[in-house]
Amino acid sequence: MAPPSYSFIDILLSTILALIMFGVGLSLTAGNFRQLFIDPRALLIGLASQIIVLPVIAFLISLFANMSPAFKVGLIILASCPGGTTSGVITYFFRGNVALSITFTAFNSVITLFTIPLIVNLSLIYFLGQSTTIHLSYIETIIQIFTVTIIPAGIGVLARTYKPGFASRAQRPIKVLLVIALAVIFIIYFFAGKESGGTGITGREIANILPYALLLNALCMAWGFVLGLITRLGIRNSYTIGIEASVHNTTLTFLVAGTLLHNQDMVKPSLIYAMFSFWTAVIYSYIIKKITGTPVFGEFR
């Protein structure tokens, strides 16, 4: 399998996300992660939900969706992929459990490398009457997780531990500057043409896929939050699981659908999902904060 190609915008976006994860790390200490492993319920519940429930939600939507079989498979591929760096960034901005988000992303990204091939094959057989062999690049994916998420956040944690004064002073300006940069990159990424790394998707395809992609997003988000409440994980952890369940790693879906399956129609649900999932997560965050009577960028009560 040839390695996937990355556009200038892909590289720039990854660099900015890595810098933001450094800023995220400045807000954490080793104790935040230690507590997570002392009581791993939130992590285990979230992982089980991601692996089993989210693909089932996508499958049920696809059963009744007025879309082509390729689009339906693409929607299931999307739901099968874990949260990415962006979910950690959103969790950080709205004061969710950042240590849970980062750890969840790291564990989930490795686990789904084994579950995605199975789920994709089942959906291919059901909707297209065919199967295929998918070999995901474990080494490359793990390297990507560490370089964009774990290492930058780890450097931030070390800075917070050994240079607390610098960490305290740097958090606010880094947060403001990188949010602006992230917004600019997202705008370029989603409105640029294919030749420069953008989507290049048509209006008709957006109109066909968007309602089902929005439904998937809303159901995953609601499921994650309600699951946390049912299992008594608290508002902060429930909010975080809702973010992780609804903000997927669309880069991985592009690899599976486009590079491994060579089917650009299967890529399109993820392209459309990526256009709005960041903003719906922001709206979700705002609503949860208002319902709980918490300042939008303040700590959960």
C-alpha atoms as a PDB file:
ATOM      1  CA  MET A   1       0.000   0.000   0.000  1.00  0.00           C
ATOM      2  CA  ALA A   2       1.386   3.372  -0.981  1.00  0.00           C
ATOM      3  CA  PRO A   3       1.567   5.882   1.824  1.00  0.00           C
ATOM      4  CA  PRO A   4      -1.172   8.501   1.733  1.00  0.00           C
ATOM      5  CA  SER A   5      -0.209  11.878   0.319  1.00  0.00           C
ATOM      6  CA  TYR A   6      -0.631  15.006   2.369  1.00  0.00           C
ATOM      7  CA  SER A   7      -1.356  18.460   0.999  1.00  0.00           C
ATOM      8  CA  PHE A   8       0.208  21.655   2.299  1.00  0.00           C
ATOM      9  CA  ILE A   9      -3.052  22.425   4.122  1.00  0.00           C
ATOM     10  CA  ASP A  10      -3.032  18.974   5.787  1.00  0.00           C
ATOM     11  CA  ILE A  11       0.488  19.567   7.091  1.00  0.00           C
ATOM     12  CA  LEU A  12      -0.286  23.124   8.208  1.00  0.00           C
ATOM     13  CA  LEU A  13      -3.448  21.990  10.002  1.00  0.00           C
ATOM     14  CA  SER A  14      -1.577  19.180  11.783  1.00  0.00           C
ATOM     15  CA  THR A  15       1.121  21.641  12.866  1.00  0.00           C
ATOM     16  CA  ILE A  16      -1.428  24.051  14.304  1.00  0.00           C
ATOM     17  CA  LEU A  17      -3.257  21.227  16.091  1.00  0.00           C
ATOM     18  CA  ALA A  18       0.055  20.055  17.583  1.00  0.00           C
ATOM     19  CA  LEU A  19       0.752  23.582  18.837  1.00  0.00           C
ATOM     20  CA  ILE A  20      -2.719  23.750  20.340  1.00  0.00           C
ATOM     21  CA  MET A  21      -2.133  20.409  22.061  1.00  0.00           C
ATOM     22  CA  PHE A  22       0.994  21.948  23.578  1.00  0.00           C
ATOM     23  CA  GLY A  23      -1.241  24.706  24.931  1.00  0.00           C
ATOM     24  CA  VAL A  24      -3.647  22.039  26.199  1.00  0.00           C
ATOM     25  CA  GLY A  25      -0.775  20.321  28.004  1.00  0.00           C
ATOM     26  CA  LEU A  26       0.070  23.566  29.795  1.00  0.00           C
ATOM     27  CA  SER A  27      -3.253  23.232  31.642  1.00  0.00           C
ATOM     28  CA  LEU A  28      -2.589  19.657  32.858  1.00  0.00           C
ATOM     29  CA  THR A  29      -0.503  17.893  35.470  1.00  0.00           C
ATOM     30  CA  ALA A  30       0.546  14.262  35.817  1.00  0.00           C
ATOM     31  CA  GLY A  31      -2.054  13.939  38.565  1.00  0.00           C
ATOM     32  CA  ASN A  32      -4.858  14.479  36.050  1.00  0.00           C
ATOM     33  CA  PHE A  33      -3.830  11.313  34.206  1.00  0.00           C
ATOM     34  CA  ARG A  34      -3.079   9.381  37.395  1.00  0.00           C
ATOM     35  CA  GLN A  35      -6.632   9.897  38.627  1.00  0.00           C
ATOM     36  CA  LEU A  36      -7.987   8.620  35.334  1.00  0.00           C
ATOM     37  CA  PHE A  37      -6.272   5.259  35.772  1.00  0.00           C
ATOM     38  CA  ILE A  38      -7.215   5.009  39.433  1.00  0.00           C
ATOM     39  CA  ASP A  39     -10.877   5.198  38.360  1.00  0.00           C
ATOM     40  CA  PRO A  40     -10.981   4.076  34.683  1.00  0.00           C
ATOM     41  CA  ARG A  41     -14.790   3.765  34.411  1.00  0.00           C
ATOM     42  CA  ALA A  42     -15.194   6.807  32.154  1.00  0.00           C
ATOM     43  CA  LEU A  43     -12.435   5.604  29.823  1.00  0.00           C
ATOM     44  CA  LEU A  44     -13.755   2.030  29.579  1.00  0.00           C
ATOM     45  CA  ILE A  45     -17.391   3.107  29.103  1.00  0.00           C
ATOM     46  CA  GLY A  46     -16.429   5.563  26.382  1.00  0.00           C
ATOM     47  CA  LEU A  47     -14.292   3.004  24.545  1.00  0.00           C
ATOM     48  CA  ALA A  48     -17.052   0.383  24.604  1.00  0.00           C
ATOM     49  CA  SER A  49     -19.519   2.932  23.269  1.00  0.00           C
ATOM     50  CA  GLN A  50     -17.212   3.969  20.429  1.00  0.00           C
ATOM     51  CA  ILE A  51     -16.458   0.441  19.298  1.00  0.00           C
ATOM     52  CA  ILE A  52     -19.993  -1.004  19.472  1.00  0.00           C
ATOM     53  CA  VAL A  53     -22.756   1.607  19.670  1.00  0.00           C
ATOM     54  CA  LEU A  54     -21.650   4.331  17.249  1.00  0.00           C
ATOM     55  CA  PRO A  55     -21.308   1.998  14.212  1.00  0.00           C
ATOM     56  CA  VAL A  56     -24.743   0.554  15.071  1.00  0.00           C
ATOM     57  CA  ILE A  57     -26.231   4.073  15.069  1.00  0.00           C
ATOM     58  CA  ALA A  58     -24.688   4.739  11.643  1.00  0.00           C
ATOM     59  CA  PHE A  59     -25.959   1.393  10.330  1.00  0.00           C
ATOM     60  CA  LEU A  60     -29.526   2.123  11.442  1.00  0.00           C
ATOM     61  CA  ILE A  61     -29.421   5.560   9.808  1.00  0.00           C
ATOM     62  CA  SER A  62     -28.065   4.011   6.604  1.00  0.00           C
ATOM     63  CA  LEU A  63     -30.849   1.415   6.514  1.00  0.00           C
ATOM     64  CA  PHE A  64     -33.450   4.154   6.049  1.00  0.00           C
ATOM     65  CA  ALA A  65     -31.332   6.781   4.287  1.00  0.00           C
ATOM     66  CA  ASN A  66     -32.092   7.827   0.727  1.00  0.00           C
ATOM     67  CA  MET A  67     -28.448   7.642  -0.336  1.00  0.00           C
ATOM     68  CA  SER A  68     -26.335   5.500  -2.620  1.00  0.00           C
ATOM     69  CA  PRO A  69     -24.852   2.322  -1.092  1.00  0.00           C
ATOM     70  CA  ALA A  70     -21.368   3.879  -1.288  1.00  0.00           C
ATOM     71  CA  PHE A  71     -22.498   6.883   0.751  1.00  0.00           C
ATOM     72  CA  LYS A  72     -24.037   4.529   3.332  1.00  0.00           C
ATOM     73  CA  VAL A  73     -20.808   2.586   3.708  1.00  0.00           C
ATOM     74  CA  GLY A  74     -18.948   5.888   3.989  1.00  0.00           C
ATOM     75  CA  LEU A  75     -21.223   6.951   6.853  1.00  0.00           C
ATOM     76  CA  ILE A  76     -20.501   3.702   8.716  1.00  0.00           C
ATOM     77  CA  ILE A  77     -16.755   4.087   8.142  1.00  0.00           C
ATOM     78  CA  LEU A  78     -17.005   7.566   9.642  1.00  0.00           C
ATOM     79  CA  ALA A  79     -18.812   6.331  12.767  1.00  0.00           C
ATOM     80  CA  SER A  80     -16.234   3.556  13.200  1.00  0.00           C
ATOM     81  CA  CYS A  81     -13.316   5.980  13.367  1.00  0.00           C
ATOM     82  CA  PRO A  82     -12.238   7.417  16.730  1.00  0.00           C
ATOM     83  CA  GLY A  83     -12.112  10.988  17.907  1.00  0.00           C
ATOM     84  CA  GLY A  84      -9.077  12.974  16.847  1.00  0.00           C
ATOM     85  CA  THR A  85      -7.006  15.907  18.016  1.00  0.00           C
ATOM     86  CA  THR A  86      -9.864  18.325  17.413  1.00  0.00           C
ATOM     87  CA  SER A  87     -11.990  16.667  20.088  1.00  0.00           C
ATOM     88  CA  GLY A  88      -9.236  17.299  22.631  1.00  0.00           C
ATOM     89  CA  VAL A  89      -8.991  20.930  21.548  1.00  0.00           C
ATOM     90  CA  ILE A  90     -12.740  21.522  21.989  1.00  0.00           C
ATOM     91  CA  THR A  91     -12.711  19.744  25.346  1.00  0.00           C
ATOM     92  CA  TYR A  92      -9.872  22.024  26.455  1.00  0.00           C
ATOM     93  CA  PHE A  93     -11.595  25.249  25.389  1.00  0.00           C
ATOM     94  CA  PHE A  94     -14.789  24.380  27.266  1.00  0.00           C
ATOM     95  CA  ARG A  95     -13.073  22.896  30.345  1.00  0.00           C
ATOM     96  CA  GLY A  96     -14.101  19.274  29.926  1.00  0.00           C
ATOM     97  CA  ASN A  97     -11.934  16.403  31.184  1.00  0.00           C
ATOM     98  CA  VAL A  98      -8.915  16.977  28.939  1.00  0.00           C
ATOM     99  CA  ALA A  99      -6.882  14.112  30.399  1.00  0.00           C
ATOM    100  CA  LEU A 100      -9.791  11.767  29.608  1.00  0.00           C
ATOM    101  CA  SER A 101     -10.052  13.137  26.073  1.00  0.00           C
ATOM    102  CA  ILE A 102      -6.353  12.727  25.296  1.00  0.00           C
ATOM    103  CA  THR A 103      -6.150   9.239  26.812  1.00  0.00           C
ATOM    104  CA  PHE A 104      -9.387   8.224  25.089  1.00  0.00           C
ATOM    105  CA  THR A 105      -8.029   9.352  21.711  1.00  0.00           C
ATOM    106  CA  ALA A 106      -4.759   7.462  22.192  1.00  0.00           C
ATOM    107  CA  PHE A 107      -6.368   4.168  23.289  1.00  0.00           C
ATOM    108  CA  ASN A 108      -9.272   4.368  20.861  1.00  0.00           C
ATOM    109  CA  SER A 109      -7.085   5.141  17.860  1.00  0.00           C
ATOM    110  CA  VAL A 110      -5.107   1.942  18.427  1.00  0.00           C
ATOM    111  CA  ILE A 111      -8.120  -0.278  19.205  1.00  0.00           C
ATOM    112  CA  THR A 112     -10.088   0.840  16.153  1.00  0.00           C
ATOM    113  CA  LEU A 113      -7.220  -0.141  13.878  1.00  0.00           C
ATOM    114  CA  PHE A 114      -8.378  -3.698  14.583  1.00  0.00           C
ATOM    115  CA  THR A 115     -12.143  -3.083  14.664  1.00  0.00           C
ATOM    116  CA  ILE A 116     -12.439  -0.869  11.557  1.00  0.00           C
ATOM    117  CA  PRO A 117     -11.556  -3.635   9.037  1.00  0.00           C
ATOM    118  CA  LEU A 118     -14.254  -5.897  10.513  1.00  0.00           C
ATOM    119  CA  ILE A 119     -16.942  -3.189  10.556  1.00  0.00           C
ATOM    120  CA  VAL A 120     -16.076  -1.973   7.054  1.00  0.00           C
ATOM    121  CA  ASN A 121     -16.258  -5.499   5.628  1.00  0.00           C
ATOM    122  CA  LEU A 122     -19.646  -6.140   7.221  1.00  0.00           C
ATOM    123  CA  SER A 123     -21.023  -2.900   5.756  1.00  0.00           C
ATOM    124  CA  LEU A 124     -19.545  -3.669   2.309  1.00  0.00           C
ATOM    125  CA  ILE A 125     -21.156  -7.108   2.312  1.00  0.00           C
ATOM    126  CA  TYR A 126     -24.549  -5.789   3.448  1.00  0.00           C
ATOM    127  CA  PHE A 127     -24.834  -2.737   1.180  1.00  0.00           C
ATOM    128  CA  LEU A 128     -22.661  -3.676  -1.813  1.00  0.00           C
ATOM    129  CA  GLY A 129     -22.518  -7.481  -1.679  1.00  0.00           C
ATOM    130  CA  GLN A 130     -18.724  -7.521  -1.634  1.00  0.00           C
ATOM    131  CA  SER A 131     -15.842  -7.753   0.803  1.00  0.00           C
ATOM    132  CA  THR A 132     -12.207  -6.723   0.793  1.00  0.00           C
ATOM    133  CA  THR A 133      -9.029  -7.024   2.821  1.00  0.00           C
ATOM    134  CA  ILE A 134      -8.047  -3.835   4.627  1.00  0.00           C
ATOM    135  CA  HIS A 135      -4.601  -3.414   6.125  1.00  0.00           C
ATOM    136  CA  LEU A 136      -4.306  -0.245   8.156  1.00  0.00           C
ATOM    137  CA  SER A 137      -0.866   1.187   8.776  1.00  0.00           C
ATOM    138  CA  TYR A 138      -0.510   0.626  12.516  1.00  0.00           C
ATOM    139  CA  ILE A 139       2.946   2.174  12.765  1.00  0.00           C
ATOM    140  CA  GLU A 140       2.040   5.272  10.762  1.00  0.00           C
ATOM    141  CA  THR A 141      -1.189   5.853  12.692  1.00  0.00           C
ATOM    142  CA  ILE A 142       0.491   5.478  16.063  1.00  0.00           C
ATOM    143  CA  ILE A 143       3.255   7.877  14.972  1.00  0.00           C
ATOM    144  CA  GLN A 144       0.605  10.397  13.902  1.00  0.00           C
ATOM    145  CA  ILE A 145      -1.179  10.087  17.265  1.00  0.00           C
ATOM    146  CA  PHE A 146       2.051  10.695  19.152  1.00  0.00           C
ATOM    147  CA  THR A 147       3.400  13.534  17.000  1.00  0.00           C
ATOM    148  CA  VAL A 148       0.161  15.528  16.827  1.00  0.00           C
ATOM    149  CA  THR A 149      -1.363  14.707  20.222  1.00  0.00           C
ATOM    150  CA  ILE A 150       0.676  12.894  22.868  1.00  0.00           C
ATOM    151  CA  ILE A 151       4.138  14.463  22.441  1.00  0.00           C
ATOM    152  CA  PRO A 152       2.988  18.128  22.232  1.00  0.00           C
ATOM    153  CA  ALA A 153       0.621  17.657  25.172  1.00  0.00           C
ATOM    154  CA  GLY A 154       3.362  15.858  27.124  1.00  0.00           C
ATOM    155  CA  ILE A 155       5.776  18.751  26.558  1.00  0.00           C
ATOM    156  CA  GLY A 156       3.080  21.100  27.826  1.00  0.00           C
ATOM    157  CA  VAL A 157       2.593  18.977  30.971  1.00  0.00           C
ATOM    158  CA  LEU A 158       6.352  19.030  31.614  1.00  0.00           C
ATOM    159  CA  ALA A 159       6.404  22.807  31.155  1.00  0.00           C
ATOM    160  CA  ARG A 160       3.515  23.134  33.623  1.00  0.00           C
ATOM    161  CA  THR A 161       5.401  20.911  36.099  1.00  0.00           C
ATOM    162  CA  TYR A 162       8.835  22.532  35.911  1.00  0.00           C
ATOM    163  CA  LYS A 163       7.978  26.057  34.712  1.00  0.00           C
ATOM    164  CA  PRO A 164       4.578  26.828  36.290  1.00  0.00           C
ATOM    165  CA  GLY A 165       5.052  30.586  35.927  1.00  0.00           C
ATOM    166  CA  PHE A 166       5.654  30.306  32.190  1.00  0.00           C
ATOM    167  CA  ALA A 167       2.714  27.888  31.798  1.00  0.00           C
ATOM    168  CA  SER A 168       0.370  30.265  33.592  1.00  0.00           C
ATOM    169  CA  ARG A 169       1.457  33.294  31.533  1.00  0.00           C
ATOM    170  CA  ALA A 170       1.472  31.452  28.191  1.00  0.00           C
ATOM    171  CA  GLN A 171      -1.955  29.784  28.301  1.00  0.00           C
ATOM    172  CA  ARG A 172      -4.137  32.778  27.459  1.00  0.00           C
ATOM    173  CA  PRO A 173      -2.135  34.263  24.510  1.00  0.00           C
ATOM    174  CA  ILE A 174      -1.517  30.785  23.039  1.00  0.00           C
ATOM    175  CA  LYS A 175      -5.202  29.958  23.310  1.00  0.00           C
ATOM    176  CA  VAL A 176      -6.335  33.158  21.576  1.00  0.00           C
ATOM    177  CA  LEU A 177      -3.757  33.094  18.780  1.00  0.00           C
ATOM    178  CA  LEU A 178      -4.175  29.434  17.927  1.00  0.00           C
ATOM    179  CA  VAL A 179      -7.975  29.531  17.956  1.00  0.00           C
ATOM    180  CA  ILE A 180      -7.777  32.259  15.311  1.00  0.00           C
ATOM    181  CA  ALA A 181      -5.252  30.245  13.311  1.00  0.00           C
ATOM    182  CA  LEU A 182      -7.364  27.086  13.588  1.00  0.00           C
ATOM    183  CA  ALA A 183     -10.463  28.915  12.346  1.00  0.00           C
ATOM    184  CA  VAL A 184      -8.572  30.293   9.333  1.00  0.00           C
ATOM    185  CA  ILE A 185      -7.176  26.877   8.420  1.00  0.00           C
ATOM    186  CA  PHE A 186     -10.592  25.218   8.689  1.00  0.00           C
ATOM    187  CA  ILE A 187     -12.080  27.851   6.377  1.00  0.00           C
ATOM    188  CA  ILE A 188      -9.300  27.329   3.804  1.00  0.00           C
ATOM    189  CA  TYR A 189      -9.482  23.560   4.107  1.00  0.00           C
ATOM    190  CA  PHE A 190     -13.218  23.305   3.501  1.00  0.00           C
ATOM    191  CA  PHE A 191     -13.564  25.909   0.749  1.00  0.00           C
ATOM    192  CA  ALA A 192     -10.376  25.336  -1.225  1.00  0.00           C
ATOM    193  CA  GLY A 193     -10.385  23.244  -4.383  1.00  0.00           C
ATOM    194  CA  LYS A 194      -9.180  19.656  -4.612  1.00  0.00           C
ATOM    195  CA  GLU A 195      -5.895  20.699  -6.179  1.00  0.00           C
ATOM    196  CA  SER A 196      -4.927  22.622  -3.023  1.00  0.00           C
ATOM    197  CA  GLY A 197      -6.197  20.101  -0.496  1.00  0.00           C
ATOM    198  CA  GLY A 198      -9.799  21.230  -0.140  1.00  0.00           C
ATOM    199  CA  THR A 199     -12.965  19.200  -0.540  1.00  0.00           C
ATOM    200  CA  GLY A 200     -14.210  20.135  -4.015  1.00  0.00           C
ATOM    201  CA  ILE A 201     -17.583  18.542  -3.240  1.00  0.00           C
ATOM    202  CA  THR A 202     -20.743  19.488  -5.176  1.00  0.00           C
ATOM    203  CA  GLY A 203     -23.842  21.194  -3.816  1.00  0.00           C
ATOM    204  CA  ARG A 204     -26.094  18.289  -4.828  1.00  0.00           C
ATOM    205  CA  GLU A 205     -23.960  15.813  -2.894  1.00  0.00           C
ATOM    206  CA  ILE A 206     -23.979  18.068   0.146  1.00  0.00           C
ATOM    207  CA  ALA A 207     -27.789  18.323   0.016  1.00  0.00           C
ATOM    208  CA  ASN A 208     -28.110  14.525  -0.230  1.00  0.00           C
ATOM    209  CA  ILE A 209     -25.686  13.571   2.535  1.00  0.00           C
ATOM    210  CA  LEU A 210     -25.935  16.505   4.962  1.00  0.00           C
ATOM    211  CA  PRO A 211     -29.245  15.576   6.712  1.00  0.00           C
ATOM    212  CA  TYR A 212     -28.005  12.064   7.529  1.00  0.00           C
ATOM    213  CA  ALA A 213     -24.559  13.295   8.573  1.00  0.00           C
ATOM    214  CA  LEU A 214     -26.193  15.843  10.889  1.00  0.00           C
ATOM    215  CA  LEU A 215     -28.446  13.145  12.320  1.00  0.00           C
ATOM    216  CA  LEU A 216     -25.439  10.908  12.985  1.00  0.00           C
ATOM    217  CA  ASN A 217     -23.632  13.792  14.663  1.00  0.00           C
ATOM    218  CA  ALA A 218     -26.582  14.694  16.886  1.00  0.00           C
ATOM    219  CA  LEU A 219     -27.321  11.088  17.912  1.00  0.00           C
ATOM    220  CA  CYS A 220     -23.667  10.303  18.704  1.00  0.00           C
ATOM    221  CA  MET A 221     -23.358  13.492  20.725  1.00  0.00           C
ATOM    222  CA  ALA A 222     -26.583  12.861  22.655  1.00  0.00           C
ATOM    223  CA  TRP A 223     -25.732   9.194  23.214  1.00  0.00           C
ATOM    224  CA  GLY A 224     -22.296  10.016  24.643  1.00  0.00           C
ATOM    225  CA  PHE A 225     -23.682  12.599  27.058  1.00  0.00           C
ATOM    226  CA  VAL A 226     -26.684  10.513  28.180  1.00  0.00           C
ATOM    227  CA  LEU A 227     -24.503   7.412  28.596  1.00  0.00           C
ATOM    228  CA  GLY A 228     -22.263   9.358  30.947  1.00  0.00           C
ATOM    229  CA  LEU A 229     -25.241  10.516  32.997  1.00  0.00           C
ATOM    230  CA  ILE A 230     -26.786   7.027  33.155  1.00  0.00           C
ATOM    231  CA  THR A 231     -23.506   5.529  34.378  1.00  0.00           C
ATOM    232  CA  ARG A 232     -23.093   8.382  36.908  1.00  0.00           C
ATOM    233  CA  LEU A 233     -19.834   9.709  35.533  1.00  0.00           C
ATOM    234  CA  GLY A 234     -20.751  13.318  36.281  1.00  0.00           C
ATOM    235  CA  ILE A 235     -21.491  16.259  33.985  1.00  0.00           C
ATOM    236  CA  ARG A 236     -17.856  16.975  33.090  1.00  0.00           C
ATOM    237  CA  ASN A 237     -17.065  13.407  32.027  1.00  0.00           C
ATOM    238  CA  SER A 238     -20.448  13.016  30.295  1.00  0.00           C
ATOM    239  CA  TYR A 239     -19.817  16.185  28.298  1.00  0.00           C
ATOM    240  CA  THR A 240     -16.360  14.909  27.316  1.00  0.00           C
ATOM    241  CA  ILE A 241     -17.673  11.522  26.133  1.00  0.00           C
ATOM    242  CA  GLY A 242     -20.290  13.372  24.060  1.00  0.00           C
ATOM    243  CA  ILE A 243     -17.509  15.304  22.316  1.00  0.00           C
ATOM    244  CA  GLU A 244     -15.436  12.169  21.737  1.00  0.00           C
ATOM    245  CA  ALA A 245     -18.454  10.339  20.307  1.00  0.00           C
ATOM    246  CA  SER A 246     -19.312  13.079  17.813  1.00  0.00           C
ATOM    247  CA  VAL A 247     -16.003  14.583  16.627  1.00  0.00           C
ATOM    248  CA  HIS A 248     -14.422  11.847  14.539  1.00  0.00           C
ATOM    249  CA  ASN A 249     -10.959  11.541  13.024  1.00  0.00           C
ATOM    250  CA  THR A 250     -11.973  12.293   9.441  1.00  0.00           C
ATOM    251  CA  THR A 251      -8.359  11.983   8.259  1.00  0.00           C
ATOM    252  CA  LEU A 252      -8.510   8.279   9.087  1.00  0.00           C
ATOM    253  CA  THR A 253     -11.795   7.923   7.197  1.00  0.00           C
ATOM    254  CA  PHE A 254     -10.166   9.510   4.146  1.00  0.00           C
ATOM    255  CA  LEU A 255      -7.389   6.912   4.379  1.00  0.00           C
ATOM    256  CA  VAL A 256      -9.798   3.963   4.695  1.00  0.00           C
ATOM    257  CA  ALA A 257     -12.334   5.038   2.049  1.00  0.00           C
ATOM    258  CA  GLY A 258     -10.113   6.848  -0.432  1.00  0.00           C
ATOM    259  CA  THR A 259      -6.673   5.243  -0.209  1.00  0.00           C
ATOM    260  CA  LEU A 260      -7.516   1.667   0.842  1.00  0.00           C
ATOM    261  CA  LEU A 261     -10.932   1.155  -0.788  1.00  0.00           C
ATOM    262  CA  HIS A 262     -10.270   3.536  -3.704  1.00  0.00           C
ATOM    263  CA  ASN A 263     -13.836   4.809  -3.589  1.00  0.00           C
ATOM    264  CA  GLN A 264     -14.199   8.594  -3.559  1.00  0.00           C
ATOM    265  CA  ASP A 265     -17.969   8.376  -3.011  1.00  0.00           C
ATOM    266  CA  MET A 266     -17.307   6.715   0.337  1.00  0.00           C
ATOM    267  CA  VAL A 267     -15.082   9.657   1.264  1.00  0.00           C
ATOM    268  CA  LYS A 268     -17.807  12.256   0.751  1.00  0.00           C
ATOM    269  CA  PRO A 269     -19.842  11.666   3.961  1.00  0.00           C
ATOM    270  CA  SER A 270     -16.666  12.341   5.946  1.00  0.00           C
ATOM    271  CA  LEU A 271     -15.899  15.459   3.912  1.00  0.00           C
ATOM    272  CA  ILE A 272     -19.345  16.843   4.660  1.00  0.00           C
ATOM    273  CA  TYR A 273     -19.184  15.763   8.306  1.00  0.00           C
ATOM    274  CA  ALA A 274     -15.871  17.559   8.713  1.00  0.00           C
ATOM    275  CA  MET A 275     -17.445  20.788   7.443  1.00  0.00           C
ATOM    276  CA  PHE A 276     -19.777  21.133  10.421  1.00  0.00           C
ATOM    277  CA  SER A 277     -18.768  18.764  13.270  1.00  0.00           C
ATOM    278  CA  PHE A 278     -16.415  21.318  14.842  1.00  0.00           C
ATOM    279  CA  TRP A 279     -19.166  23.932  14.942  1.00  0.00           C
ATOM    280  CA  THR A 280     -21.904  21.603  16.186  1.00  0.00           C
ATOM    281  CA  ALA A 281     -19.535  20.561  18.985  1.00  0.00           C
ATOM    282  CA  VAL A 282     -19.143  24.236  19.903  1.00  0.00           C
ATOM    283  CA  ILE A 283     -22.940  24.658  19.946  1.00  0.00           C
ATOM    284  CA  TYR A 284     -23.299  21.494  22.053  1.00  0.00           C
ATOM    285  CA  SER A 285     -20.699  22.828  24.482  1.00  0.00           C
ATOM    286  CA  TYR A 286     -22.516  26.148  24.789  1.00  0.00           C
ATOM    287  CA  ILE A 287     -25.869  24.419  25.427  1.00  0.00           C
ATOM    288  CA  ILE A 288     -24.456  22.079  28.096  1.00  0.00           C
ATOM    289  CA  LYS A 289     -22.779  25.001  29.844  1.00  0.00           C
ATOM    290  CA  LYS A 290     -26.016  27.008  29.856  1.00  0.00           C
ATOM    291  CA  ILE A 291     -28.100  24.066  31.095  1.00  0.00           C
ATOM    292  CA  THR A 292     -25.669  23.429  33.957  1.00  0.00           C
ATOM    293  CA  GLY A 293     -25.434  27.128  34.814  1.00  0.00           C
ATOM    294  CA  THR A 294     -21.689  27.203  34.188  1.00  0.00           C
ATOM    295  CA  PRO A 295     -19.720  30.028  32.517  1.00  0.00           C
ATOM    296  CA  VAL A 296     -19.104  29.073  28.884  1.00  0.00           C
ATOM    297  CA  PHE A 297     -15.332  28.920  29.327  1.00  0.00           C
ATOM    298  CA  GLY A 298     -15.440  28.186  33.056  1.00  0.00           C
ATOM    299  CA  GLU A 299     -15.062  24.986  35.036  1.00  0.00           C
ATOM    300  CA  PHE A 300     -18.017  22.588  35.239  1.00  0.00           C
ATOM    301  CA  ARG A 301     -19.880  22.723  38.543  1.00  0.00           C
END
